[in-house]
Amino acid sequence: MPSSGGISDDTFASVLSAAQAGAGWACTRLWRDHAPAVAAFATARGSRDSEDLTSEVFLVVFDRLREFTGDAAAFRSFVFSIAYRRLVDELRVRGRRGEPVQLIAEEDPRRASSAEEDALERLASERTVALLDSLAPDQRDVMMLRIVADLTVEQVAVVLGKREGAVKALQRRALVQLRKNFAEPRTPAGPADDSD
């Protein structure tokens, strides 16, 4: 039976066993199967360097791998519990230190994207961030873990240390809020035209 990560539980068990024995190919497989979702979650949740955070998460995962027991779904919860804690740590430290100023380096013209691509990507990111920022922090965490990390309600409850009923309620409130935000007009209404 396939798990939420797309790998069958039988295959996962053999990959996990090999990774716990130190097989490099198995560790690579676990990384390849889970790292993109961790990086997407970290980016969507505001990490300044999602690749670095993902690497930190997997250093902990591989360090604690021999202690892990469970199926593919439990492993996904294990990985995202670590990712969530690392992200909270990053946001807490950043809140204390303030936002860094980024220097703009000259870009290699062979790797540069077009201005249009940059603008569209920035606009989509800004809209997504604005929608997520309209949610309460707990609601945002639940939605990110459900959608980006593809965790079940039960897994989200484990990651956040909440009851399943609380997670369902947060998800329901988040969806109501997002529907309201989509229903609102996208441009402000101007004054009524009385010239007729």
N, C-alpha and C. Protein backbone atom coordinates (compact mmCIF):
# COMPACT_ATOMS: atom_id res chain seq x y z
N MET A 1 0.85 -1.19 0.00
CA MET A 1 0.00 0.00 0.00
C MET A 1 0.89 1.24 0.00
N PRO A 2 0.74 2.18 -0.94
CA PRO A 2 1.58 3.35 -0.99
C PRO A 2 1.29 4.29 0.17
N SER A 3 2.34 4.91 0.67
CA SER A 3 2.22 5.90 1.72
C SER A 3 2.03 7.27 1.10
N SER A 4 1.89 8.29 1.97
CA SER A 4 1.71 9.64 1.43
C SER A 4 2.94 10.14 0.71
N GLY A 5 4.10 9.54 0.94
CA GLY A 5 5.31 9.96 0.26
C GLY A 5 5.48 9.30 -1.09
N GLY A 6 4.56 8.40 -1.50
CA GLY A 6 4.63 7.78 -2.81
C GLY A 6 5.43 6.49 -2.84
N ILE A 7 5.92 6.04 -1.71
CA ILE A 7 6.71 4.81 -1.64
C ILE A 7 5.89 3.78 -0.86
N SER A 8 5.90 2.52 -1.30
CA SER A 8 5.12 1.50 -0.59
C SER A 8 5.77 1.23 0.77
N ASP A 9 4.95 0.76 1.71
CA ASP A 9 5.48 0.47 3.04
C ASP A 9 6.54 -0.62 3.01
N ASP A 10 6.37 -1.61 2.11
CA ASP A 10 7.38 -2.68 2.00
C ASP A 10 8.72 -2.12 1.50
N THR A 11 8.64 -1.29 0.47
CA THR A 11 9.86 -0.68 -0.06
C THR A 11 10.48 0.24 0.98
N PHE A 12 9.64 1.02 1.68
CA PHE A 12 10.15 1.92 2.71
C PHE A 12 10.88 1.12 3.79
N ALA A 13 10.31 0.01 4.22
CA ALA A 13 10.93 -0.80 5.27
C ALA A 13 12.33 -1.26 4.86
N SER A 14 12.49 -1.68 3.61
CA SER A 14 13.81 -2.14 3.16
C SER A 14 14.78 -0.97 3.02
N VAL A 15 14.29 0.19 2.54
CA VAL A 15 15.14 1.38 2.42
C VAL A 15 15.56 1.85 3.80
N LEU A 16 14.62 1.89 4.74
CA LEU A 16 14.93 2.32 6.11
C LEU A 16 15.95 1.40 6.76
N SER A 17 15.75 0.12 6.61
CA SER A 17 16.67 -0.86 7.18
C SER A 17 18.09 -0.67 6.63
N ALA A 18 18.18 -0.46 5.33
CA ALA A 18 19.49 -0.25 4.71
C ALA A 18 20.10 1.07 5.19
N ALA A 19 19.29 2.12 5.31
CA ALA A 19 19.80 3.41 5.77
C ALA A 19 20.27 3.31 7.21
N GLN A 20 19.54 2.59 8.03
CA GLN A 20 19.94 2.41 9.43
C GLN A 20 21.24 1.61 9.54
N ALA A 21 21.51 0.78 8.54
CA ALA A 21 22.77 0.01 8.50
C ALA A 21 23.90 0.82 7.89
N GLY A 22 23.60 2.02 7.40
CA GLY A 22 24.64 2.90 6.87
C GLY A 22 24.81 2.90 5.37
N ALA A 23 23.86 2.32 4.64
CA ALA A 23 23.97 2.28 3.17
C ALA A 23 23.72 3.67 2.60
N GLY A 24 24.69 4.19 1.89
CA GLY A 24 24.59 5.52 1.31
C GLY A 24 23.43 5.67 0.34
N TRP A 25 23.20 4.66 -0.50
CA TRP A 25 22.12 4.74 -1.48
C TRP A 25 20.77 4.90 -0.79
N ALA A 26 20.61 4.25 0.38
CA ALA A 26 19.33 4.31 1.09
C ALA A 26 19.12 5.69 1.72
N CYS A 27 20.18 6.26 2.26
CA CYS A 27 20.09 7.61 2.82
C CYS A 27 19.77 8.60 1.71
N THR A 28 20.39 8.41 0.55
CA THR A 28 20.11 9.27 -0.60
C THR A 28 18.64 9.15 -1.00
N ARG A 29 18.12 7.95 -0.98
CA ARG A 29 16.71 7.73 -1.34
C ARG A 29 15.78 8.45 -0.37
N LEU A 30 16.07 8.35 0.95
CA LEU A 30 15.25 9.04 1.94
C LEU A 30 15.31 10.55 1.74
N TRP A 31 16.52 11.04 1.44
CA TRP A 31 16.69 12.48 1.18
C TRP A 31 15.88 12.89 -0.05
N ARG A 32 16.04 12.15 -1.14
CA ARG A 32 15.38 12.49 -2.40
C ARG A 32 13.85 12.44 -2.26
N ASP A 33 13.34 11.49 -1.47
CA ASP A 33 11.90 11.34 -1.31
C ASP A 33 11.28 12.41 -0.40
N HIS A 34 12.06 12.99 0.52
CA HIS A 34 11.49 13.89 1.51
C HIS A 34 12.01 15.33 1.47
N ALA A 35 13.24 15.53 1.01
CA ALA A 35 13.85 16.86 1.06
C ALA A 35 13.08 17.92 0.26
N PRO A 36 12.58 17.62 -0.93
CA PRO A 36 11.85 18.67 -1.67
C PRO A 36 10.64 19.21 -0.90
N ALA A 37 9.90 18.33 -0.24
CA ALA A 37 8.74 18.78 0.53
C ALA A 37 9.16 19.59 1.75
N VAL A 38 10.27 19.20 2.39
CA VAL A 38 10.77 19.96 3.54
C VAL A 38 11.20 21.35 3.08
N ALA A 39 11.92 21.43 1.98
CA ALA A 39 12.37 22.73 1.46
C ALA A 39 11.17 23.60 1.06
N ALA A 40 10.16 23.01 0.43
CA ALA A 40 8.97 23.77 0.04
C ALA A 40 8.23 24.28 1.28
N PHE A 41 8.12 23.44 2.29
CA PHE A 41 7.47 23.85 3.54
C PHE A 41 8.25 25.01 4.18
N ALA A 42 9.57 24.88 4.26
CA ALA A 42 10.40 25.91 4.88
C ALA A 42 10.29 27.23 4.12
N THR A 43 10.31 27.16 2.80
CA THR A 43 10.18 28.36 1.97
C THR A 43 8.83 29.01 2.18
N ALA A 44 7.78 28.22 2.10
CA ALA A 44 6.43 28.75 2.24
C ALA A 44 6.18 29.33 3.62
N ARG A 45 6.88 28.82 4.60
CA ARG A 45 6.68 29.27 5.98
C ARG A 45 7.62 30.41 6.38
N GLY A 46 8.48 30.85 5.41
CA GLY A 46 9.27 32.05 5.65
C GLY A 46 10.73 31.86 5.94
N SER A 47 11.26 30.67 5.72
CA SER A 47 12.69 30.46 5.93
C SER A 47 13.49 31.29 4.93
N ARG A 48 14.55 31.91 5.39
CA ARG A 48 15.40 32.72 4.51
C ARG A 48 16.33 31.85 3.67
N ASP A 49 16.65 30.66 4.17
CA ASP A 49 17.52 29.76 3.42
C ASP A 49 16.99 28.34 3.59
N SER A 50 15.99 28.01 2.79
CA SER A 50 15.33 26.72 2.94
C SER A 50 16.25 25.54 2.64
N GLU A 51 17.21 25.73 1.74
CA GLU A 51 18.15 24.64 1.45
C GLU A 51 19.02 24.34 2.66
N ASP A 52 19.49 25.39 3.33
CA ASP A 52 20.31 25.21 4.53
C ASP A 52 19.48 24.57 5.64
N LEU A 53 18.25 25.03 5.82
CA LEU A 53 17.40 24.45 6.84
C LEU A 53 17.12 22.98 6.55
N THR A 54 16.87 22.66 5.29
CA THR A 54 16.63 21.27 4.90
C THR A 54 17.85 20.40 5.21
N SER A 55 19.03 20.92 4.93
CA SER A 55 20.26 20.17 5.25
C SER A 55 20.38 19.94 6.75
N GLU A 56 20.08 20.98 7.54
CA GLU A 56 20.12 20.83 8.99
C GLU A 56 19.12 19.78 9.47
N VAL A 57 17.94 19.79 8.89
CA VAL A 57 16.91 18.81 9.26
C VAL A 57 17.43 17.40 9.00
N PHE A 58 18.02 17.18 7.83
CA PHE A 58 18.45 15.82 7.51
C PHE A 58 19.71 15.40 8.27
N LEU A 59 20.50 16.34 8.72
CA LEU A 59 21.61 15.98 9.62
C LEU A 59 21.04 15.38 10.91
N VAL A 60 19.98 15.99 11.43
CA VAL A 60 19.34 15.47 12.63
C VAL A 60 18.65 14.14 12.32
N VAL A 61 17.93 14.08 11.20
CA VAL A 61 17.24 12.85 10.82
C VAL A 61 18.23 11.69 10.73
N PHE A 62 19.32 11.89 10.03
CA PHE A 62 20.28 10.79 9.86
C PHE A 62 21.01 10.46 11.16
N ASP A 63 21.18 11.46 12.01
CA ASP A 63 21.80 11.23 13.31
C ASP A 63 20.90 10.38 14.20
N ARG A 64 19.59 10.57 14.09
CA ARG A 64 18.63 9.85 14.94
C ARG A 64 17.97 8.68 14.23
N LEU A 65 18.45 8.34 13.05
CA LEU A 65 17.82 7.31 12.22
C LEU A 65 17.78 5.94 12.89
N ARG A 66 18.84 5.57 13.59
CA ARG A 66 18.88 4.24 14.22
C ARG A 66 17.82 4.09 15.30
N GLU A 67 17.38 5.21 15.89
CA GLU A 67 16.37 5.18 16.94
C GLU A 67 14.95 5.07 16.38
N PHE A 68 14.78 5.40 15.10
CA PHE A 68 13.44 5.47 14.52
C PHE A 68 12.87 4.08 14.28
N THR A 69 11.59 3.93 14.65
CA THR A 69 10.82 2.73 14.28
C THR A 69 9.47 3.22 13.78
N GLY A 70 8.97 2.57 12.75
CA GLY A 70 7.66 2.94 12.21
C GLY A 70 7.62 2.78 10.71
N ASP A 71 6.46 3.10 10.15
CA ASP A 71 6.26 2.96 8.71
C ASP A 71 6.58 4.28 8.01
N ALA A 72 6.27 4.34 6.72
CA ALA A 72 6.59 5.52 5.91
C ALA A 72 5.86 6.75 6.41
N ALA A 73 4.60 6.61 6.82
CA ALA A 73 3.83 7.76 7.32
C ALA A 73 4.44 8.27 8.63
N ALA A 74 4.84 7.37 9.50
CA ALA A 74 5.47 7.78 10.76
C ALA A 74 6.81 8.46 10.49
N PHE A 75 7.53 7.99 9.48
CA PHE A 75 8.82 8.63 9.13
C PHE A 75 8.59 10.05 8.63
N ARG A 76 7.56 10.24 7.81
CA ARG A 76 7.24 11.58 7.30
C ARG A 76 6.91 12.52 8.47
N SER A 77 6.15 12.04 9.44
CA SER A 77 5.86 12.83 10.64
C SER A 77 7.13 13.15 11.41
N PHE A 78 8.01 12.16 11.53
CA PHE A 78 9.29 12.32 12.21
C PHE A 78 10.12 13.43 11.53
N VAL A 79 10.21 13.37 10.21
CA VAL A 79 10.98 14.36 9.46
C VAL A 79 10.39 15.76 9.62
N PHE A 80 9.07 15.87 9.50
CA PHE A 80 8.45 17.20 9.58
C PHE A 80 8.38 17.73 11.01
N SER A 81 8.42 16.85 12.01
CA SER A 81 8.52 17.33 13.39
C SER A 81 9.85 18.05 13.58
N ILE A 82 10.91 17.46 13.05
CA ILE A 82 12.24 18.08 13.13
C ILE A 82 12.26 19.37 12.32
N ALA A 83 11.69 19.33 11.11
CA ALA A 83 11.67 20.53 10.25
C ALA A 83 10.91 21.67 10.92
N TYR A 84 9.79 21.35 11.52
CA TYR A 84 8.99 22.38 12.17
C TYR A 84 9.77 23.03 13.32
N ARG A 85 10.42 22.20 14.13
CA ARG A 85 11.20 22.74 15.26
C ARG A 85 12.36 23.61 14.77
N ARG A 86 13.06 23.16 13.73
CA ARG A 86 14.16 23.96 13.18
C ARG A 86 13.66 25.28 12.62
N LEU A 87 12.52 25.26 11.97
CA LEU A 87 11.95 26.48 11.42
C LEU A 87 11.56 27.45 12.53
N VAL A 88 10.93 26.94 13.58
CA VAL A 88 10.56 27.78 14.71
C VAL A 88 11.81 28.41 15.32
N ASP A 89 12.88 27.61 15.44
CA ASP A 89 14.15 28.15 15.97
C ASP A 89 14.67 29.27 15.08
N GLU A 90 14.65 29.05 13.76
CA GLU A 90 15.14 30.07 12.83
C GLU A 90 14.33 31.36 12.94
N LEU A 91 13.03 31.23 12.98
CA LEU A 91 12.17 32.41 13.07
C LEU A 91 12.36 33.14 14.40
N ARG A 92 12.57 32.39 15.47
CA ARG A 92 12.79 32.99 16.78
C ARG A 92 14.11 33.77 16.79
N VAL A 93 15.17 33.17 16.27
CA VAL A 93 16.48 33.84 16.22
C VAL A 93 16.39 35.08 15.34
N ARG A 94 15.76 34.96 14.20
CA ARG A 94 15.62 36.08 13.29
C ARG A 94 14.82 37.22 13.93
N GLY A 95 13.82 36.86 14.72
CA GLY A 95 13.02 37.87 15.41
C GLY A 95 13.85 38.64 16.43
N ARG A 96 14.80 37.96 17.07
CA ARG A 96 15.66 38.63 18.04
C ARG A 96 16.72 39.49 17.37
N ARG A 97 17.25 39.02 16.26
CA ARG A 97 18.35 39.72 15.58
C ARG A 97 17.89 40.74 14.55
N GLY A 98 16.67 40.63 14.11
CA GLY A 98 16.19 41.52 13.06
C GLY A 98 16.48 40.94 11.69
N GLU A 99 16.00 41.62 10.68
CA GLU A 99 16.17 41.17 9.30
C GLU A 99 17.54 41.57 8.76
N PRO A 100 18.25 40.65 8.12
CA PRO A 100 19.54 41.00 7.52
C PRO A 100 19.35 41.83 6.24
N VAL A 101 20.34 42.64 5.96
CA VAL A 101 20.35 43.40 4.71
C VAL A 101 21.12 42.59 3.69
N GLN A 102 20.50 42.34 2.54
CA GLN A 102 21.17 41.55 1.51
C GLN A 102 21.87 42.46 0.52
N LEU A 103 23.09 42.11 0.23
CA LEU A 103 23.84 42.82 -0.80
C LEU A 103 23.51 42.21 -2.14
N ILE A 104 23.39 43.02 -3.15
CA ILE A 104 23.06 42.53 -4.49
C ILE A 104 24.37 42.30 -5.24
N ALA A 105 24.61 41.05 -5.56
CA ALA A 105 25.81 40.71 -6.31
C ALA A 105 25.50 40.74 -7.79
N GLU A 106 26.52 41.00 -8.59
CA GLU A 106 26.32 41.01 -10.04
C GLU A 106 26.00 39.58 -10.47
N GLU A 107 24.95 39.45 -11.25
CA GLU A 107 24.48 38.14 -11.66
C GLU A 107 25.15 37.71 -12.96
N ASP A 108 25.42 36.43 -13.04
CA ASP A 108 26.00 35.84 -14.24
C ASP A 108 24.95 35.91 -15.35
N PRO A 109 25.20 36.62 -16.46
CA PRO A 109 24.18 36.78 -17.50
C PRO A 109 23.75 35.45 -18.11
N ARG A 110 24.60 34.43 -18.05
CA ARG A 110 24.21 33.12 -18.61
C ARG A 110 23.15 32.45 -17.75
N ARG A 111 23.08 32.82 -16.46
CA ARG A 111 22.12 32.19 -15.56
C ARG A 111 20.95 33.12 -15.24
N ALA A 112 20.98 34.32 -15.73
CA ALA A 112 19.95 35.31 -15.39
C ALA A 112 18.62 34.95 -16.05
N SER A 113 17.55 35.17 -15.29
CA SER A 113 16.23 34.97 -15.86
C SER A 113 15.75 36.32 -16.40
N SER A 114 14.70 36.28 -17.17
CA SER A 114 14.19 37.52 -17.75
C SER A 114 13.50 38.34 -16.67
N ALA A 115 13.37 39.62 -16.93
CA ALA A 115 12.69 40.51 -16.00
C ALA A 115 11.23 40.08 -15.83
N GLU A 116 10.62 39.63 -16.92
CA GLU A 116 9.23 39.18 -16.86
C GLU A 116 9.09 37.96 -15.95
N GLU A 117 10.00 36.98 -16.10
CA GLU A 117 9.97 35.79 -15.25
C GLU A 117 10.15 36.17 -13.79
N ASP A 118 11.10 37.05 -13.52
CA ASP A 118 11.34 37.50 -12.15
C ASP A 118 10.11 38.18 -11.57
N ALA A 119 9.48 39.05 -12.36
CA ALA A 119 8.31 39.79 -11.89
C ALA A 119 7.14 38.85 -11.61
N LEU A 120 6.90 37.89 -12.51
CA LEU A 120 5.80 36.94 -12.32
C LEU A 120 6.04 36.07 -11.09
N GLU A 121 7.27 35.61 -10.92
CA GLU A 121 7.60 34.77 -9.77
C GLU A 121 7.43 35.57 -8.48
N ARG A 122 7.92 36.80 -8.47
CA ARG A 122 7.81 37.64 -7.28
C ARG A 122 6.34 37.94 -6.97
N LEU A 123 5.54 38.23 -8.00
CA LEU A 123 4.13 38.53 -7.80
C LEU A 123 3.39 37.31 -7.24
N ALA A 124 3.64 36.14 -7.79
CA ALA A 124 3.00 34.92 -7.30
C ALA A 124 3.41 34.66 -5.85
N SER A 125 4.69 34.83 -5.54
CA SER A 125 5.17 34.63 -4.18
C SER A 125 4.54 35.63 -3.23
N GLU A 126 4.45 36.90 -3.65
CA GLU A 126 3.86 37.93 -2.80
C GLU A 126 2.39 37.64 -2.53
N ARG A 127 1.65 37.21 -3.54
CA ARG A 127 0.24 36.87 -3.36
C ARG A 127 0.08 35.69 -2.41
N THR A 128 0.91 34.67 -2.59
CA THR A 128 0.85 33.50 -1.72
C THR A 128 1.17 33.88 -0.29
N VAL A 129 2.24 34.63 -0.11
CA VAL A 129 2.63 35.06 1.24
C VAL A 129 1.53 35.91 1.86
N ALA A 130 0.94 36.82 1.08
CA ALA A 130 -0.13 37.67 1.60
C ALA A 130 -1.33 36.83 2.03
N LEU A 131 -1.69 35.82 1.24
CA LEU A 131 -2.79 34.95 1.63
C LEU A 131 -2.46 34.19 2.91
N LEU A 132 -1.26 33.66 2.99
CA LEU A 132 -0.87 32.91 4.19
C LEU A 132 -0.76 33.82 5.40
N ASP A 133 -0.27 35.04 5.18
CA ASP A 133 -0.14 35.99 6.29
C ASP A 133 -1.49 36.45 6.83
N SER A 134 -2.55 36.26 6.04
CA SER A 134 -3.88 36.64 6.51
C SER A 134 -4.40 35.63 7.54
N LEU A 135 -3.74 34.50 7.64
CA LEU A 135 -4.16 33.46 8.58
C LEU A 135 -3.45 33.64 9.92
N ALA A 136 -4.10 33.17 10.97
CA ALA A 136 -3.44 33.13 12.28
C ALA A 136 -2.27 32.15 12.18
N PRO A 137 -1.20 32.35 12.95
CA PRO A 137 -0.02 31.48 12.85
C PRO A 137 -0.33 29.98 12.95
N ASP A 138 -1.20 29.58 13.89
CA ASP A 138 -1.54 28.16 14.02
C ASP A 138 -2.25 27.64 12.77
N GLN A 139 -3.14 28.47 12.21
CA GLN A 139 -3.85 28.07 10.99
C GLN A 139 -2.87 27.93 9.83
N ARG A 140 -1.94 28.88 9.73
CA ARG A 140 -0.94 28.85 8.65
C ARG A 140 -0.08 27.59 8.76
N ASP A 141 0.34 27.25 9.98
CA ASP A 141 1.15 26.04 10.17
C ASP A 141 0.39 24.79 9.73
N VAL A 142 -0.87 24.71 10.13
CA VAL A 142 -1.68 23.55 9.75
C VAL A 142 -1.81 23.45 8.23
N MET A 143 -2.11 24.56 7.57
CA MET A 143 -2.29 24.53 6.12
C MET A 143 -1.00 24.17 5.40
N MET A 144 0.11 24.70 5.86
CA MET A 144 1.39 24.40 5.22
C MET A 144 1.74 22.92 5.38
N LEU A 145 1.52 22.38 6.58
CA LEU A 145 1.83 20.97 6.79
C LEU A 145 0.87 20.06 6.04
N ARG A 146 -0.39 20.46 5.91
CA ARG A 146 -1.35 19.63 5.19
C ARG A 146 -1.10 19.68 3.68
N ILE A 147 -0.85 20.88 3.15
CA ILE A 147 -0.76 21.04 1.69
C ILE A 147 0.65 20.84 1.18
N VAL A 148 1.59 21.60 1.70
CA VAL A 148 2.96 21.54 1.18
C VAL A 148 3.66 20.25 1.62
N ALA A 149 3.52 19.91 2.91
CA ALA A 149 4.19 18.71 3.41
C ALA A 149 3.39 17.44 3.14
N ASP A 150 2.12 17.58 2.74
CA ASP A 150 1.25 16.46 2.42
C ASP A 150 1.08 15.50 3.61
N LEU A 151 0.95 16.08 4.81
CA LEU A 151 0.74 15.27 6.01
C LEU A 151 -0.75 15.11 6.26
N THR A 152 -1.10 14.01 6.92
CA THR A 152 -2.48 13.78 7.32
C THR A 152 -2.78 14.62 8.56
N VAL A 153 -4.03 14.70 8.92
CA VAL A 153 -4.43 15.43 10.13
C VAL A 153 -3.71 14.82 11.34
N GLU A 154 -3.66 13.50 11.39
CA GLU A 154 -3.00 12.82 12.51
C GLU A 154 -1.52 13.19 12.57
N GLN A 155 -0.86 13.23 11.43
CA GLN A 155 0.56 13.56 11.39
C GLN A 155 0.80 15.02 11.78
N VAL A 156 -0.07 15.91 11.33
CA VAL A 156 0.05 17.33 11.70
C VAL A 156 -0.10 17.47 13.21
N ALA A 157 -1.03 16.73 13.79
CA ALA A 157 -1.23 16.78 15.24
C ALA A 157 0.05 16.38 15.97
N VAL A 158 0.73 15.37 15.47
CA VAL A 158 1.99 14.93 16.09
C VAL A 158 3.05 16.02 15.96
N VAL A 159 3.20 16.58 14.76
CA VAL A 159 4.21 17.60 14.51
C VAL A 159 3.99 18.82 15.40
N LEU A 160 2.74 19.27 15.52
CA LEU A 160 2.44 20.49 16.26
C LEU A 160 2.17 20.25 17.74
N GLY A 161 2.07 18.98 18.13
CA GLY A 161 1.78 18.68 19.53
C GLY A 161 0.37 19.08 19.93
N LYS A 162 -0.58 18.90 19.01
CA LYS A 162 -1.99 19.26 19.26
C LYS A 162 -2.87 18.04 19.09
N ARG A 163 -4.10 18.13 19.59
CA ARG A 163 -5.07 17.07 19.38
C ARG A 163 -5.56 17.12 17.93
N GLU A 164 -6.00 15.98 17.42
CA GLU A 164 -6.50 15.92 16.04
C GLU A 164 -7.70 16.84 15.85
N GLY A 165 -8.58 16.90 16.84
CA GLY A 165 -9.75 17.78 16.75
C GLY A 165 -9.34 19.24 16.63
N ALA A 166 -8.29 19.62 17.35
CA ALA A 166 -7.80 21.01 17.27
C ALA A 166 -7.24 21.30 15.89
N VAL A 167 -6.53 20.33 15.31
CA VAL A 167 -5.98 20.51 13.96
C VAL A 167 -7.11 20.65 12.95
N LYS A 168 -8.13 19.82 13.06
CA LYS A 168 -9.28 19.91 12.14
C LYS A 168 -9.96 21.27 12.27
N ALA A 169 -10.12 21.75 13.49
CA ALA A 169 -10.76 23.06 13.70
C ALA A 169 -9.91 24.18 13.10
N LEU A 170 -8.60 24.11 13.29
CA LEU A 170 -7.71 25.14 12.72
C LEU A 170 -7.77 25.11 11.19
N GLN A 171 -7.80 23.91 10.62
CA GLN A 171 -7.89 23.79 9.17
C GLN A 171 -9.19 24.36 8.65
N ARG A 172 -10.28 24.05 9.34
CA ARG A 172 -11.60 24.56 8.94
C ARG A 172 -11.63 26.09 8.99
N ARG A 173 -11.11 26.68 10.07
CA ARG A 173 -11.08 28.14 10.19
C ARG A 173 -10.19 28.77 9.11
N ALA A 174 -9.08 28.11 8.82
CA ALA A 174 -8.17 28.64 7.78
C ALA A 174 -8.87 28.64 6.42
N LEU A 175 -9.57 27.57 6.11
CA LEU A 175 -10.27 27.49 4.82
C LEU A 175 -11.37 28.55 4.72
N VAL A 176 -12.08 28.78 5.81
CA VAL A 176 -13.11 29.83 5.83
C VAL A 176 -12.47 31.18 5.57
N GLN A 177 -11.35 31.45 6.24
CA GLN A 177 -10.65 32.73 6.06
C GLN A 177 -10.14 32.89 4.63
N LEU A 178 -9.56 31.83 4.07
CA LEU A 178 -9.05 31.90 2.70
C LEU A 178 -10.19 32.14 1.70
N ARG A 179 -11.34 31.49 1.92
CA ARG A 179 -12.50 31.72 1.04
C ARG A 179 -12.93 33.18 1.09
N LYS A 180 -12.96 33.75 2.30
CA LYS A 180 -13.32 35.16 2.45
C LYS A 180 -12.33 36.04 1.69
N ASN A 181 -11.05 35.73 1.80
CA ASN A 181 -10.03 36.53 1.13
C ASN A 181 -10.15 36.45 -0.38
N PHE A 182 -10.52 35.28 -0.91
CA PHE A 182 -10.70 35.15 -2.35
C PHE A 182 -11.96 35.85 -2.82
N ALA A 183 -12.97 35.92 -1.96
CA ALA A 183 -14.24 36.54 -2.33
C ALA A 183 -14.16 38.07 -2.33
N GLU A 184 -13.21 38.63 -1.58
CA GLU A 184 -13.08 40.09 -1.52
C GLU A 184 -12.60 40.62 -2.86
N PRO A 185 -13.04 41.82 -3.24
CA PRO A 185 -12.58 42.40 -4.50
C PRO A 185 -11.07 42.60 -4.48
N ARG A 186 -10.44 42.38 -5.61
CA ARG A 186 -8.98 42.50 -5.69
C ARG A 186 -8.51 43.93 -5.86
N THR A 187 -9.39 44.81 -6.36
CA THR A 187 -9.01 46.21 -6.50
C THR A 187 -9.95 47.04 -5.65
N PRO A 188 -9.44 48.08 -5.03
CA PRO A 188 -10.32 48.90 -4.21
C PRO A 188 -11.37 49.60 -5.06
N ALA A 189 -12.55 49.71 -4.51
CA ALA A 189 -13.63 50.39 -5.22
C ALA A 189 -13.40 51.90 -5.15
N GLY A 190 -13.51 52.55 -6.26
CA GLY A 190 -13.34 53.99 -6.32
C GLY A 190 -14.63 54.68 -5.97
N PRO A 191 -14.62 56.02 -5.91
CA PRO A 191 -15.85 56.75 -5.62
C PRO A 191 -16.87 56.52 -6.73
N ALA A 192 -18.12 56.57 -6.36
CA ALA A 192 -19.19 56.37 -7.34
C ALA A 192 -19.16 57.49 -8.38
N ASP A 193 -19.40 57.14 -9.62
CA ASP A 193 -19.41 58.13 -10.70
C ASP A 193 -20.83 58.69 -10.82
N ASP A 194 -21.01 59.96 -10.39
CA ASP A 194 -22.33 60.60 -10.43
C ASP A 194 -22.49 61.50 -11.64
N SER A 195 -21.67 61.37 -12.67
CA SER A 195 -21.71 62.29 -13.81
C SER A 195 -22.87 62.02 -14.76
N ASP A 196 -23.60 60.92 -14.57
CA ASP A 196 -24.70 60.61 -15.50
C ASP A 196 -25.88 61.49 -15.32
